Amino acid sequence: MKPSLSSIVVMAVIGTVSLSFMVIPPPDGLSQAGQRVLGIATITIGLWGTKILPMGVTAILLVVLLVLSEGVNDFQQALIGFAQPVPYFLIAVLTIGLAVKKCGLAERIARFSLRHCRERPMALYTHLLISMPLLTLLLPSATSRTGILVHVYEQSLSLSMVPKDAQLSKAIMMALNSINRLASTIILTGGITPVVAAALVGGISWSRWFVLLSIPYLTLLLLGSGLIYLIYRQGFTTQMARVPDTLSGPLTKMEIRTIVITLGASLLWLTDSIHHMNPAIPALMAWICLLAPWIGVLSWQDFEKNVGWTNFLVIASSMSLAGALIDSGAGSWLAELIIGSLPVLSQSPLIVAAVLLLAAIPVRLLIPNITGFLAVAIPIAISIANLTGLNPLVCSLLVMIVGDSVLYYPAQSASSLVVYERGYLSTIEIFWFGCLMTIMACLVALFVALPYWNLIGEPFVNMAQ
């Protein structure tokens, strides 16, 4: 598909500004390598957003530009994202989702759900929303849930004869793309975001994390789902085709094997506090079992043909970019520049909170990987808290909420890439919903999280000072 004229114009402007920025002398406090990495980040995000190049091609171009511009020390550092567990975790989770579809389990679940929905679009949407927090207890990772649910709801829409470009299809997929992730952060072992954030803010227990984050994130889930309903409300008035329940028989051997393998991986994810394995290891163990002869349900040909390698390339390269932004000091420089250019922090605690939230937005936009964002934003939030006599934990959680609640383009989340590759949503739709969720997240942080934390004994103002 040829890129539109508007995309080419936008990319030309972004490219010109970025290249100009890369050749002028760097401003005070920013290294030359950091300046070049910022320029590359802008160009890459523009290419991912406009799709002038295929996303996988842009991912490889990013690695090449990091080397040629000397934004990193060597080629090995430019490939650092490909040595991280996350890309391999994503490929394994996609394989689990493929197995759920191949063995017929996705269709069985879809027909069961549709039978209870009785051709009512709102009931189907409500089932999805309820399943998100409930499935979190079984599948803590949002990517794992999305990899399975995207096949289930794709089957549901197909069986109900709802086209891909229908408003109902977009509503279902936007929920999987943008708000399904929020259920995971409620649990400390629910994925990368809570694990990294908890490590950066210091020791915090599983139960304390749940108490602190459950109300703010459940509020975000409700508001986000309501926002999706308002945007795509026309889709909830359409009539879904009646689907006969033709899969009411016993589970097949392939379905049973898929369930056992998936539950085995889930059990290991839930007990990571005991064995301390990286979440990618259980996922890869499941991947091996699903592709092994006699045990699995997939052939190697099934895997090669149906698992999108674009996901792997984009996530790995985005982690390389995040690492380059941190190592070059560009991420910290950007955050400190934004903080310094905003109103005086010492006037009011509420002003500090607003500044932290506003500063987190452009940092999240430029740093595609949530780990990179947290590694930059949380230490700065802690420093500001210490300077202004505020609670470092609360300041850290404020920036985490904003960074975790929004997606401006699919490369920012593995679970988003899983949905985006199915072709239901455009990058523009994801971007504008991300902008709306930014406003929602800021409001929840200020008017729900802060009062709630104060109520449960975690005040914004540090009483010790």
Protein backbone atom coordinates (compact mmCIF):
# COMPACT_ATOMS: atom_id res chain seq x y z
CA MET A 1 0.00 0.00 0.00
CA LYS A 2 1.38 3.38 -1.05
CA PRO A 3 1.75 6.03 1.67
CA SER A 4 -0.58 9.01 1.48
CA LEU A 5 0.64 12.44 0.42
CA SER A 6 -0.05 13.81 3.91
CA SER A 7 2.11 11.08 5.47
CA ILE A 8 4.97 11.91 3.12
CA VAL A 9 4.70 15.64 3.91
CA VAL A 10 4.60 15.00 7.67
CA MET A 11 7.59 12.67 7.44
CA ALA A 12 9.52 15.18 5.31
CA VAL A 13 9.00 17.89 7.94
CA ILE A 14 9.97 15.54 10.79
CA GLY A 15 13.03 14.33 8.90
CA THR A 16 14.20 17.84 8.04
CA VAL A 17 13.84 19.08 11.61
CA SER A 18 15.50 15.97 13.05
CA LEU A 19 18.46 16.08 10.66
CA SER A 20 18.92 19.80 11.28
CA PHE A 21 18.86 19.18 15.01
CA MET A 22 21.49 16.43 14.63
CA VAL A 23 24.06 18.59 12.81
CA ILE A 24 23.93 21.77 14.91
CA PRO A 25 26.10 21.99 18.08
CA PRO A 26 24.40 20.22 20.99
CA PRO A 27 22.84 22.42 23.70
CA ASP A 28 24.30 22.62 27.19
CA GLY A 29 24.03 19.42 29.15
CA LEU A 30 23.39 17.20 26.11
CA SER A 31 26.15 15.07 24.62
CA GLN A 32 26.62 14.86 20.88
CA ALA A 33 25.68 11.17 20.98
CA GLY A 34 22.52 12.05 22.92
CA GLN A 35 21.60 14.70 20.38
CA ARG A 36 21.94 12.23 17.53
CA VAL A 37 19.91 9.58 19.34
CA LEU A 38 17.10 12.10 19.92
CA GLY A 39 17.09 12.89 16.20
CA ILE A 40 16.98 9.19 15.33
CA ALA A 41 14.16 8.63 17.82
CA THR A 42 12.10 11.37 16.18
CA ILE A 43 12.67 10.00 12.68
CA THR A 44 11.88 6.44 13.78
CA ILE A 45 8.66 7.40 15.54
CA GLY A 46 7.62 9.37 12.47
CA LEU A 47 8.23 6.37 10.21
CA TRP A 48 6.36 4.03 12.54
CA GLY A 49 3.47 6.47 12.71
CA THR A 50 3.19 7.22 8.99
CA LYS A 51 4.08 3.70 7.75
CA ILE A 52 6.00 5.12 4.79
CA LEU A 53 8.24 2.10 5.34
CA PRO A 54 7.05 -1.27 6.67
CA MET A 55 7.44 -1.30 10.45
CA GLY A 56 9.98 -4.11 10.36
CA VAL A 57 12.12 -2.24 7.83
CA THR A 58 12.03 0.86 10.04
CA ALA A 59 13.16 -1.30 12.96
CA ILE A 60 16.29 -2.44 11.10
CA LEU A 61 16.88 1.10 9.79
CA LEU A 62 16.86 2.28 13.41
CA VAL A 63 19.70 -0.10 14.28
CA VAL A 64 21.72 1.01 11.24
CA LEU A 65 21.22 4.72 12.03
CA LEU A 66 22.32 4.21 15.64
CA VAL A 67 25.60 2.77 14.36
CA LEU A 68 26.22 5.19 11.48
CA SER A 69 25.44 8.27 13.58
CA GLU A 70 27.68 7.03 16.41
CA GLY A 71 24.75 7.41 18.77
CA VAL A 72 26.00 4.15 20.34
CA ASN A 73 29.53 2.91 20.91
CA ASP A 74 29.40 -0.05 18.55
CA PHE A 75 27.17 -2.36 16.52
CA GLN A 76 26.81 -4.72 19.47
CA GLN A 77 25.28 -1.96 21.59
CA ALA A 78 22.86 -1.11 18.77
CA LEU A 79 21.66 -4.72 18.92
CA ILE A 80 21.26 -4.78 22.70
CA GLY A 81 17.46 -4.95 22.42
CA PHE A 82 17.73 -8.23 20.51
CA ALA A 83 19.50 -9.76 23.53
CA GLN A 84 16.65 -8.83 25.90
CA PRO A 85 14.03 -11.41 27.01
CA VAL A 86 10.98 -9.36 25.92
CA PRO A 87 11.12 -10.02 22.13
CA TYR A 88 11.42 -13.77 22.73
CA PHE A 89 8.62 -13.64 25.30
CA LEU A 90 6.45 -11.96 22.67
CA ILE A 91 7.15 -14.59 20.01
CA ALA A 92 6.37 -17.38 22.49
CA VAL A 93 3.10 -15.73 23.56
CA LEU A 94 2.08 -15.25 19.92
CA THR A 95 2.69 -18.96 19.42
CA ILE A 96 0.41 -19.80 22.37
CA GLY A 97 -2.30 -17.65 20.78
CA LEU A 98 -1.77 -19.38 17.44
CA ALA A 99 -2.11 -22.78 19.10
CA VAL A 100 -5.36 -21.73 20.79
CA LYS A 101 -6.70 -20.84 17.35
CA LYS A 102 -5.29 -23.85 15.49
CA CYS A 103 -6.64 -26.48 17.89
CA GLY A 104 -10.15 -25.00 17.77
CA LEU A 105 -10.17 -23.73 21.35
CA ALA A 106 -10.54 -20.10 20.25
CA GLU A 107 -13.61 -20.94 18.19
CA ARG A 108 -15.09 -23.02 21.04
CA ILE A 109 -14.67 -20.13 23.51
CA ALA A 110 -15.99 -17.66 20.92
CA ARG A 111 -19.13 -19.70 20.29
CA PHE A 112 -19.69 -20.15 24.03
CA SER A 113 -19.38 -16.40 24.56
CA LEU A 114 -21.66 -15.56 21.63
CA ARG A 115 -24.31 -17.99 22.86
CA HIS A 116 -24.50 -16.08 26.14
CA CYS A 117 -24.35 -12.70 24.43
CA ARG A 118 -27.41 -13.55 22.31
CA GLU A 119 -26.35 -11.35 19.41
CA ARG A 120 -26.03 -8.27 21.65
CA PRO A 121 -22.90 -6.21 20.87
CA MET A 122 -22.92 -4.55 24.29
CA ALA A 123 -22.95 -7.94 26.01
CA LEU A 124 -19.95 -9.09 23.96
CA TYR A 125 -18.06 -5.91 24.88
CA THR A 126 -19.00 -6.28 28.56
CA HIS A 127 -17.79 -9.90 28.58
CA LEU A 128 -14.42 -8.70 27.30
CA LEU A 129 -14.14 -5.97 29.93
CA ILE A 130 -15.00 -8.35 32.76
CA SER A 131 -12.54 -10.95 31.51
CA MET A 132 -9.60 -8.53 31.65
CA PRO A 133 -9.18 -8.24 35.43
CA LEU A 134 -10.37 -11.83 36.01
CA LEU A 135 -7.91 -13.34 33.52
CA THR A 136 -5.12 -11.31 35.10
CA LEU A 137 -5.15 -13.77 38.00
CA LEU A 138 -4.55 -16.64 35.54
CA LEU A 139 -2.44 -14.84 32.92
CA PRO A 140 -0.71 -11.89 34.60
CA SER A 141 1.01 -10.69 31.44
CA ALA A 142 -1.09 -8.42 29.23
CA THR A 143 0.75 -9.72 26.18
CA SER A 144 -0.19 -13.29 27.09
CA ARG A 145 -3.85 -12.38 27.50
CA THR A 146 -3.91 -10.34 24.31
CA GLY A 147 -2.19 -13.09 22.33
CA ILE A 148 -5.05 -15.45 23.25
CA LEU A 149 -8.01 -13.07 23.42
CA VAL A 150 -7.30 -11.47 20.05
CA HIS A 151 -7.91 -14.85 18.40
CA VAL A 152 -11.02 -15.52 20.49
CA TYR A 153 -12.65 -12.19 19.67
CA GLU A 154 -11.52 -12.29 16.07
CA GLN A 155 -13.38 -15.58 15.82
CA SER A 156 -16.40 -14.05 17.58
CA LEU A 157 -16.55 -11.15 15.13
CA SER A 158 -16.02 -13.44 12.14
CA LEU A 159 -18.72 -15.90 13.24
CA SER A 160 -21.12 -13.00 13.81
CA MET A 161 -20.30 -11.65 10.32
CA VAL A 162 -19.03 -8.34 11.69
CA PRO A 163 -16.52 -6.87 9.18
CA LYS A 164 -13.06 -5.68 10.18
CA ASP A 165 -13.80 -2.03 9.52
CA ALA A 166 -17.06 -2.07 11.56
CA GLN A 167 -17.27 0.17 14.60
CA LEU A 168 -17.90 -2.83 16.88
CA SER A 169 -14.74 -4.57 15.62
CA LYS A 170 -12.72 -1.44 16.29
CA ALA A 171 -14.19 -1.08 19.79
CA ILE A 172 -13.29 -4.66 20.72
CA MET A 173 -9.78 -4.37 19.31
CA MET A 174 -9.15 -0.94 20.83
CA ALA A 175 -10.02 -2.36 24.24
CA LEU A 176 -7.54 -5.20 23.70
CA ASN A 177 -4.96 -2.77 22.34
CA SER A 178 -5.13 0.04 24.88
CA ILE A 179 -6.83 -0.84 28.17
CA ASN A 180 -6.25 -4.59 28.56
CA ARG A 181 -2.72 -3.77 29.73
CA LEU A 182 -4.04 -1.74 32.67
CA ALA A 183 -5.34 -4.80 34.48
CA SER A 184 -1.82 -6.24 34.68
CA THR A 185 -0.25 -3.32 36.53
CA ILE A 186 -2.62 -3.81 39.47
CA ILE A 187 -0.59 -6.93 40.33
CA LEU A 188 3.08 -6.61 41.21
CA THR A 189 3.89 -9.74 39.21
CA GLY A 190 1.68 -8.61 36.33
CA GLY A 191 4.36 -7.68 33.84
CA ILE A 192 7.31 -5.44 33.06
CA THR A 193 5.76 -2.16 34.26
CA PRO A 194 5.07 -3.09 37.90
CA VAL A 195 8.28 -5.10 38.26
CA VAL A 196 10.53 -2.33 36.94
CA ALA A 197 8.67 0.46 38.76
CA ALA A 198 8.74 -1.40 42.08
CA ALA A 199 12.46 -2.06 41.71
CA LEU A 200 13.16 1.62 41.00
CA VAL A 201 11.15 2.98 43.94
CA GLY A 202 12.56 0.44 46.39
CA GLY A 203 11.18 -2.52 48.30
CA ILE A 204 7.41 -2.81 48.18
CA SER A 205 5.31 -5.87 48.97
CA TRP A 206 2.82 -7.58 46.65
CA SER A 207 -0.11 -6.70 48.91
CA ARG A 208 0.94 -3.08 49.37
CA TRP A 209 1.30 -2.67 45.60
CA PHE A 210 -2.18 -4.08 45.06
CA VAL A 211 -3.71 -1.76 47.65
CA LEU A 212 -1.99 1.31 46.16
CA LEU A 213 -2.77 0.63 42.50
CA SER A 214 -6.10 -1.23 42.46
CA ILE A 215 -8.42 1.79 42.78
CA PRO A 216 -6.58 4.12 40.35
CA TYR A 217 -6.20 1.42 37.70
CA LEU A 218 -9.72 0.04 38.01
CA THR A 219 -10.93 3.63 37.61
CA LEU A 220 -8.81 3.95 34.48
CA LEU A 221 -10.23 0.68 33.16
CA LEU A 222 -13.80 1.89 33.65
CA LEU A 223 -13.16 5.33 32.18
CA GLY A 224 -11.16 3.92 29.27
CA SER A 225 -13.87 1.40 28.42
CA GLY A 226 -16.48 4.16 28.60
CA LEU A 227 -14.39 6.32 26.30
CA ILE A 228 -14.17 3.50 23.76
CA TYR A 229 -17.93 3.07 23.93
CA LEU A 230 -18.49 6.77 23.24
CA ILE A 231 -16.09 6.80 20.29
CA TYR A 232 -17.50 3.67 18.65
CA ARG A 233 -21.07 3.85 19.98
CA GLN A 234 -22.61 3.35 16.53
CA GLY A 235 -21.16 -0.15 16.48
CA PHE A 236 -23.20 -1.16 19.51
CA THR A 237 -26.47 -0.65 17.63
CA THR A 238 -25.70 -3.13 14.86
CA GLN A 239 -27.27 -6.58 14.81
CA MET A 240 -24.89 -9.51 15.10
CA ALA A 241 -25.61 -12.68 13.13
CA ARG A 242 -26.95 -15.61 15.13
CA VAL A 243 -24.29 -18.28 15.65
CA PRO A 244 -25.33 -21.90 16.27
CA ASP A 245 -23.41 -23.68 19.04
CA THR A 246 -21.83 -26.47 17.00
CA LEU A 247 -18.88 -27.09 19.33
CA SER A 248 -20.73 -28.39 22.38
CA GLY A 249 -18.99 -31.77 22.32
CA PRO A 250 -16.10 -32.86 24.56
CA LEU A 251 -12.68 -31.25 24.29
CA THR A 252 -10.41 -32.74 21.63
CA LYS A 253 -6.94 -34.09 22.44
CA MET A 254 -5.35 -31.07 20.76
CA GLU A 255 -7.45 -28.69 22.86
CA ILE A 256 -6.54 -30.55 26.05
CA ARG A 257 -2.83 -30.45 25.25
CA THR A 258 -3.03 -26.73 24.52
CA ILE A 259 -4.86 -26.06 27.78
CA VAL A 260 -2.35 -28.09 29.82
CA ILE A 261 0.66 -26.37 28.24
CA THR A 262 -0.85 -22.89 28.68
CA LEU A 263 -1.85 -23.55 32.28
CA GLY A 264 1.63 -24.90 32.98
CA ALA A 265 3.21 -21.67 31.75
CA SER A 266 0.65 -19.65 33.69
CA LEU A 267 1.45 -21.55 36.89
CA LEU A 268 5.13 -20.73 36.48
CA TRP A 269 4.30 -17.07 35.88
CA LEU A 270 2.21 -16.92 39.03
CA THR A 271 4.92 -18.58 41.15
CA ASP A 272 7.86 -16.50 39.96
CA SER A 273 8.46 -15.29 43.53
CA ILE A 274 9.48 -18.89 44.35
CA HIS A 275 11.62 -19.92 41.36
CA HIS A 276 12.68 -16.40 40.18
CA MET A 277 12.63 -17.34 36.51
CA ASN A 278 12.30 -14.57 33.97
CA PRO A 279 8.73 -14.64 32.50
CA ALA A 280 10.25 -15.38 29.09
CA ILE A 281 11.48 -18.80 30.28
CA PRO A 282 8.01 -20.32 30.98
CA ALA A 283 6.79 -18.76 27.72
CA LEU A 284 9.64 -20.35 25.76
CA MET A 285 9.06 -23.67 27.53
CA ALA A 286 5.44 -23.52 26.35
CA TRP A 287 6.68 -22.60 22.86
CA ILE A 288 8.92 -25.69 22.79
CA CYS A 289 6.09 -27.96 23.95
CA LEU A 290 3.61 -26.56 21.41
CA LEU A 291 6.03 -27.21 18.54
CA ALA A 292 7.41 -30.55 19.76
CA PRO A 293 6.25 -33.70 17.94
CA TRP A 294 3.64 -35.83 19.77
CA ILE A 295 3.25 -33.19 22.51
CA GLY A 296 2.44 -30.02 20.62
CA VAL A 297 -0.31 -28.93 18.28
CA LEU A 298 1.69 -26.86 15.77
CA SER A 299 4.14 -27.69 13.04
CA TRP A 300 7.21 -25.59 12.32
CA GLN A 301 5.53 -24.56 9.06
CA ASP A 302 2.53 -23.25 11.03
CA PHE A 303 4.88 -21.20 13.19
CA GLU A 304 6.90 -19.76 10.28
CA LYS A 305 3.82 -18.84 8.29
CA ASN A 306 1.60 -17.33 10.97
CA VAL A 307 3.81 -15.64 13.59
CA GLY A 308 4.54 -12.06 12.54
CA TRP A 309 8.27 -11.36 12.78
CA THR A 310 7.52 -7.65 12.54
CA ASN A 311 6.54 -7.84 16.21
CA PHE A 312 9.94 -9.25 17.15
CA LEU A 313 11.92 -6.69 15.12
CA VAL A 314 9.96 -3.67 16.32
CA ILE A 315 10.04 -4.57 20.03
CA ALA A 316 13.74 -5.50 19.95
CA SER A 317 14.77 -2.34 18.08
CA SER A 318 12.61 -0.14 20.31
CA MET A 319 14.45 -1.55 23.33
CA SER A 320 17.76 -0.74 21.63
CA LEU A 321 16.52 2.82 21.11
CA ALA A 322 15.42 3.09 24.75
CA GLY A 323 18.82 1.87 25.86
CA ALA A 324 20.58 4.39 23.62
CA LEU A 325 18.44 7.24 24.99
CA ILE A 326 19.37 6.28 28.54
CA ASP A 327 23.07 5.52 27.98
CA SER A 328 23.65 8.74 26.01
CA GLY A 329 21.91 10.81 28.69
CA ALA A 330 19.36 12.08 26.16
CA GLY A 331 16.36 10.82 28.11
CA SER A 332 17.42 12.46 31.36
CA TRP A 333 18.37 15.68 29.58
CA LEU A 334 14.97 15.84 27.90
CA ALA A 335 13.08 15.24 31.14
CA GLU A 336 15.15 17.78 33.08
CA LEU A 337 14.73 20.34 30.28
CA ILE A 338 10.95 19.97 30.42
CA ILE A 339 10.91 20.18 34.20
CA GLY A 340 13.08 23.31 34.17
CA SER A 341 10.93 25.08 31.61
CA LEU A 342 7.70 24.61 33.54
CA PRO A 343 6.37 26.75 36.44
CA VAL A 344 8.19 27.05 39.76
CA LEU A 345 7.84 23.79 41.65
CA SER A 346 7.95 25.09 45.20
CA GLN A 347 4.72 27.07 45.05
CA SER A 348 2.27 24.22 45.53
CA PRO A 349 2.33 20.41 45.79
CA LEU A 350 -0.46 20.28 43.20
CA ILE A 351 1.73 22.26 40.78
CA VAL A 352 4.51 19.71 41.32
CA ALA A 353 2.09 16.90 40.51
CA ALA A 354 0.90 18.68 37.36
CA VAL A 355 4.49 19.33 36.26
CA LEU A 356 5.46 15.70 36.74
CA LEU A 357 2.48 14.52 34.70
CA LEU A 358 3.05 17.02 31.90
CA ALA A 359 6.78 16.25 31.75
CA ALA A 360 6.09 12.52 31.47
CA ILE A 361 4.04 12.91 28.28
CA PRO A 362 6.76 13.94 25.77
CA VAL A 363 9.25 11.57 27.42
CA ARG A 364 6.81 8.69 26.89
CA LEU A 365 6.27 9.81 23.31
CA LEU A 366 9.99 9.75 22.50
CA ILE A 367 10.95 6.62 24.46
CA PRO A 368 8.99 3.75 22.90
CA ASN A 369 9.80 1.13 25.50
CA ILE A 370 8.07 1.35 28.91
CA THR A 371 11.19 0.06 30.68
CA GLY A 372 13.23 2.90 29.19
CA PHE A 373 10.59 5.43 30.13
CA LEU A 374 10.45 4.25 33.73
CA ALA A 375 14.25 4.14 33.99
CA VAL A 376 14.37 7.82 32.99
CA ALA A 377 11.21 9.22 34.59
CA ILE A 378 11.15 7.59 38.03
CA PRO A 379 14.65 8.65 39.20
CA ILE A 380 13.88 12.22 38.13
CA ALA A 381 10.53 12.09 39.96
CA ILE A 382 12.30 10.87 43.10
CA SER A 383 14.87 13.70 42.85
CA ILE A 384 12.12 16.30 42.50
CA ALA A 385 10.26 14.80 45.45
CA ASN A 386 13.34 15.04 47.64
CA LEU A 387 13.94 18.66 46.61
CA THR A 388 10.35 19.74 47.25
CA GLY A 389 9.59 17.75 50.42
CA LEU A 390 7.14 15.38 48.75
CA ASN A 391 6.63 11.63 48.96
CA PRO A 392 9.06 9.93 46.51
CA LEU A 393 6.84 6.85 46.20
CA VAL A 394 3.78 8.92 45.26
CA CYS A 395 5.73 11.03 42.75
CA SER A 396 7.10 7.86 41.15
CA LEU A 397 3.66 6.25 40.88
CA LEU A 398 2.23 9.42 39.33
CA VAL A 399 4.63 9.34 36.38
CA MET A 400 4.21 5.57 36.09
CA ILE A 401 0.43 5.91 35.75
CA VAL A 402 0.71 8.41 32.90
CA GLY A 403 3.42 6.48 31.09
CA ASP A 404 1.70 3.13 31.50
CA SER A 405 -1.81 4.29 30.59
CA VAL A 406 -1.07 5.63 27.13
CA LEU A 407 0.05 4.28 23.78
CA TYR A 408 0.78 6.70 20.98
CA TYR A 409 1.94 4.12 18.45
CA PRO A 410 1.99 0.28 18.36
CA ALA A 411 5.77 -0.03 18.86
CA GLN A 412 5.33 1.18 22.45
CA SER A 413 3.80 -2.11 23.60
CA ALA A 414 4.12 -5.77 22.68
CA SER A 415 0.41 -6.31 23.35
CA SER A 416 -0.45 -3.40 21.07
CA LEU A 417 1.62 -4.88 18.25
CA VAL A 418 -0.26 -8.16 18.62
CA VAL A 419 -3.54 -6.35 17.94
CA TYR A 420 -2.22 -3.90 15.36
CA GLU A 421 -0.90 -6.70 13.15
CA ARG A 422 -4.46 -8.03 12.78
CA GLY A 423 -5.41 -4.96 10.70
CA TYR A 424 -8.41 -3.63 12.65
CA LEU A 425 -6.87 -0.33 13.81
CA SER A 426 -4.78 2.33 12.12
CA THR A 427 -1.84 4.13 13.69
CA ILE A 428 -3.86 7.36 13.61
CA GLU A 429 -6.70 5.77 15.60
CA ILE A 430 -4.25 4.46 18.17
CA PHE A 431 -2.53 7.85 18.43
CA TRP A 432 -5.71 9.86 19.00
CA PHE A 433 -7.03 7.40 21.54
CA GLY A 434 -3.65 7.66 23.28
CA CYS A 435 -4.06 11.44 23.44
CA LEU A 436 -7.51 11.07 25.01
CA MET A 437 -6.20 8.50 27.49
CA THR A 438 -3.41 10.94 28.40
CA ILE A 439 -6.02 13.44 29.57
CA MET A 440 -7.89 10.66 31.38
CA ALA A 441 -4.76 9.39 33.11
CA CYS A 442 -3.79 12.87 34.32
CA LEU A 443 -7.26 13.44 35.75
CA VAL A 444 -7.28 10.06 37.51
CA ALA A 445 -3.78 10.66 38.91
CA LEU A 446 -4.70 14.07 40.31
CA PHE A 447 -8.26 13.55 41.47
CA VAL A 448 -8.47 9.83 42.25
CA ALA A 449 -4.99 8.52 43.03
CA LEU A 450 -3.71 11.39 45.18
CA PRO A 451 -6.78 11.60 47.47
CA TYR A 452 -6.98 7.80 47.69
CA TRP A 453 -3.29 7.40 48.60
CA ASN A 454 -3.62 10.09 51.25
CA LEU A 455 -6.61 8.21 52.68
CA ILE A 456 -4.69 4.91 53.00
CA GLY A 457 -1.65 6.47 54.65
CA GLU A 458 0.57 7.43 51.70
CA PRO A 459 0.27 11.26 51.64
CA PHE A 460 1.66 13.33 48.79
CA VAL A 461 3.44 15.74 51.13
CA ASN A 462 6.22 14.00 53.04
CA MET A 463 5.31 14.61 56.67
CA ALA A 464 8.84 13.78 57.80
CA GLN A 465 10.11 17.03 56.33
